[in-house]
Amino acid sequence: MKTMKTALISLLLVMSASAMAQDYAPTRTYEVLVQSVRLPSGPSGTITVKECDDCDYETYRVTAQTVYAVNGKPMRLSDFRKVIDDLRLGSGHVVNVRRDLQTDTIVKVFIYTQ
């Protein structure tokens, strides 16, 4: 009986590890000043970011599944654009842009204003 329990636990651990490996997608998050981000005009399009003053702008694809959030609260792109436009007047705010390295698409764009 003890051998059966050990075998069952081992099997469950292997299955769990396999499921986690399949769900994992490597990402890279860019932290850029709000002035260095050009947001897409619609849900499918591109976003352009500049990581540093001496860096070139880089353009990435966004999809309808890209999440836009302010202070952890997801919102529509149009509402997110309004928040970003208001913040451009100030300085020092950082926008986080998360890119899926396998698909080379942006999965999340978010900012914390507090």
Protein backbone atom coordinates (compact mmCIF):
# COMPACT_ATOMS: atom_id res chain seq x y z
CA MET A 1 0.00 0.00 0.00
CA LYS A 2 2.83 2.40 0.86
CA THR A 3 4.45 1.74 -2.53
CA MET A 4 1.15 2.50 -4.27
CA LYS A 5 0.83 5.85 -2.46
CA THR A 6 4.41 6.77 -3.30
CA ALA A 7 3.87 5.89 -6.96
CA LEU A 8 0.64 7.89 -7.09
CA ILE A 9 2.24 10.94 -5.48
CA SER A 10 5.20 10.72 -7.88
CA LEU A 11 2.84 10.51 -10.85
CA LEU A 12 0.86 13.53 -9.67
CA LEU A 13 4.04 15.56 -9.19
CA VAL A 14 5.25 14.71 -12.70
CA MET A 15 1.87 15.61 -14.21
CA SER A 16 1.79 18.88 -12.26
CA ALA A 17 5.31 19.83 -13.41
CA SER A 18 4.39 19.07 -17.03
CA ALA A 19 1.29 21.25 -16.85
CA MET A 20 3.26 24.13 -15.34
CA ALA A 21 5.95 23.87 -18.02
CA GLN A 22 3.34 24.07 -20.78
CA ASP A 23 1.74 27.19 -19.28
CA TYR A 24 5.01 29.06 -18.86
CA ALA A 25 5.80 31.67 -21.48
CA PRO A 26 9.06 33.59 -21.13
CA THR A 27 8.53 37.34 -21.02
CA ARG A 28 10.56 40.50 -20.84
CA THR A 29 9.27 43.64 -19.18
CA TYR A 30 10.52 47.02 -20.36
CA GLU A 31 10.41 49.92 -17.90
CA VAL A 32 10.27 53.10 -19.94
CA LEU A 33 9.41 56.71 -19.24
CA VAL A 34 5.87 57.65 -20.21
CA GLN A 35 7.29 60.11 -22.75
CA SER A 36 9.10 57.20 -24.49
CA VAL A 37 6.01 55.15 -25.29
CA ARG A 38 3.85 55.42 -28.39
CA LEU A 39 0.62 53.56 -27.75
CA PRO A 40 -1.40 51.80 -30.44
CA SER A 41 -4.42 53.57 -31.87
CA GLY A 42 -6.54 50.42 -31.75
CA PRO A 43 -6.67 46.98 -30.15
CA SER A 44 -4.60 45.39 -32.93
CA GLY A 45 -1.59 47.37 -33.99
CA THR A 46 1.83 48.25 -32.65
CA ILE A 47 3.39 49.89 -29.65
CA THR A 48 6.74 51.66 -29.83
CA VAL A 49 9.10 51.98 -26.88
CA LYS A 50 12.47 53.61 -26.27
CA GLU A 51 14.37 52.10 -23.35
CA CYS A 52 16.94 54.87 -22.91
CA ASP A 53 17.88 58.30 -24.26
CA ASP A 54 20.54 56.83 -26.56
CA CYS A 55 18.45 53.80 -27.59
CA ASP A 56 16.51 53.50 -30.81
CA TYR A 57 12.74 53.12 -30.74
CA GLU A 58 11.59 49.50 -31.01
CA THR A 59 8.16 48.51 -32.31
CA TYR A 60 6.16 45.48 -31.16
CA ARG A 61 2.78 44.03 -32.05
CA VAL A 62 -0.23 44.24 -29.73
CA THR A 63 -3.37 42.13 -30.04
CA ALA A 64 -6.93 42.25 -28.79
CA GLN A 65 -5.69 40.11 -25.86
CA THR A 66 -3.15 42.72 -24.70
CA VAL A 67 -4.06 43.91 -21.21
CA TYR A 68 -3.82 47.61 -20.26
CA ALA A 69 -3.88 48.44 -16.54
CA VAL A 70 -3.44 51.38 -14.18
CA ASN A 71 -2.65 50.66 -10.52
CA GLY A 72 -3.52 47.00 -11.09
CA LYS A 73 -6.94 47.76 -12.59
CA PRO A 74 -7.45 46.50 -16.17
CA MET A 75 -9.11 48.97 -18.53
CA ARG A 76 -9.91 49.60 -22.17
CA LEU A 77 -7.14 50.94 -24.37
CA SER A 78 -9.02 54.21 -24.92
CA ASP A 79 -9.20 54.84 -21.15
CA PHE A 80 -5.57 53.84 -20.71
CA ARG A 81 -4.56 56.30 -23.44
CA LYS A 82 -6.33 59.13 -21.56
CA VAL A 83 -4.43 58.32 -18.36
CA ILE A 84 -1.11 58.20 -20.21
CA ASP A 85 -1.84 61.47 -22.04
CA ASP A 86 -2.52 63.18 -18.70
CA LEU A 87 0.72 61.78 -17.22
CA ARG A 88 2.84 62.96 -20.16
CA LEU A 89 2.54 66.51 -18.80
CA GLY A 90 4.48 65.51 -15.69
CA SER A 91 7.74 63.67 -15.57
CA GLY A 92 9.18 60.57 -14.03
CA HIS A 93 6.29 58.16 -14.52
CA VAL A 94 7.34 54.74 -15.75
CA VAL A 95 5.26 52.53 -18.03
CA ASN A 96 5.85 48.77 -17.94
CA VAL A 97 5.53 46.94 -21.24
CA ARG A 98 5.58 43.13 -21.02
CA ARG A 99 6.53 41.21 -24.17
CA ASP A 100 6.02 37.48 -24.76
CA LEU A 101 9.37 36.33 -26.14
CA GLN A 102 7.93 33.30 -27.95
CA THR A 103 5.27 35.18 -29.92
CA ASP A 104 7.08 38.55 -29.90
CA THR A 105 3.83 40.28 -28.95
CA ILE A 106 3.00 42.61 -26.09
CA VAL A 107 0.82 40.89 -23.50
CA LYS A 108 0.48 43.68 -20.93
CA VAL A 109 1.05 47.42 -20.63
CA PHE A 110 0.70 48.81 -17.13
CA ILE A 111 1.56 51.74 -14.91
CA TYR A 112 1.39 52.55 -11.21
CA THR A 113 0.66 56.20 -10.51
CA GLN A 114 0.69 56.10 -6.70
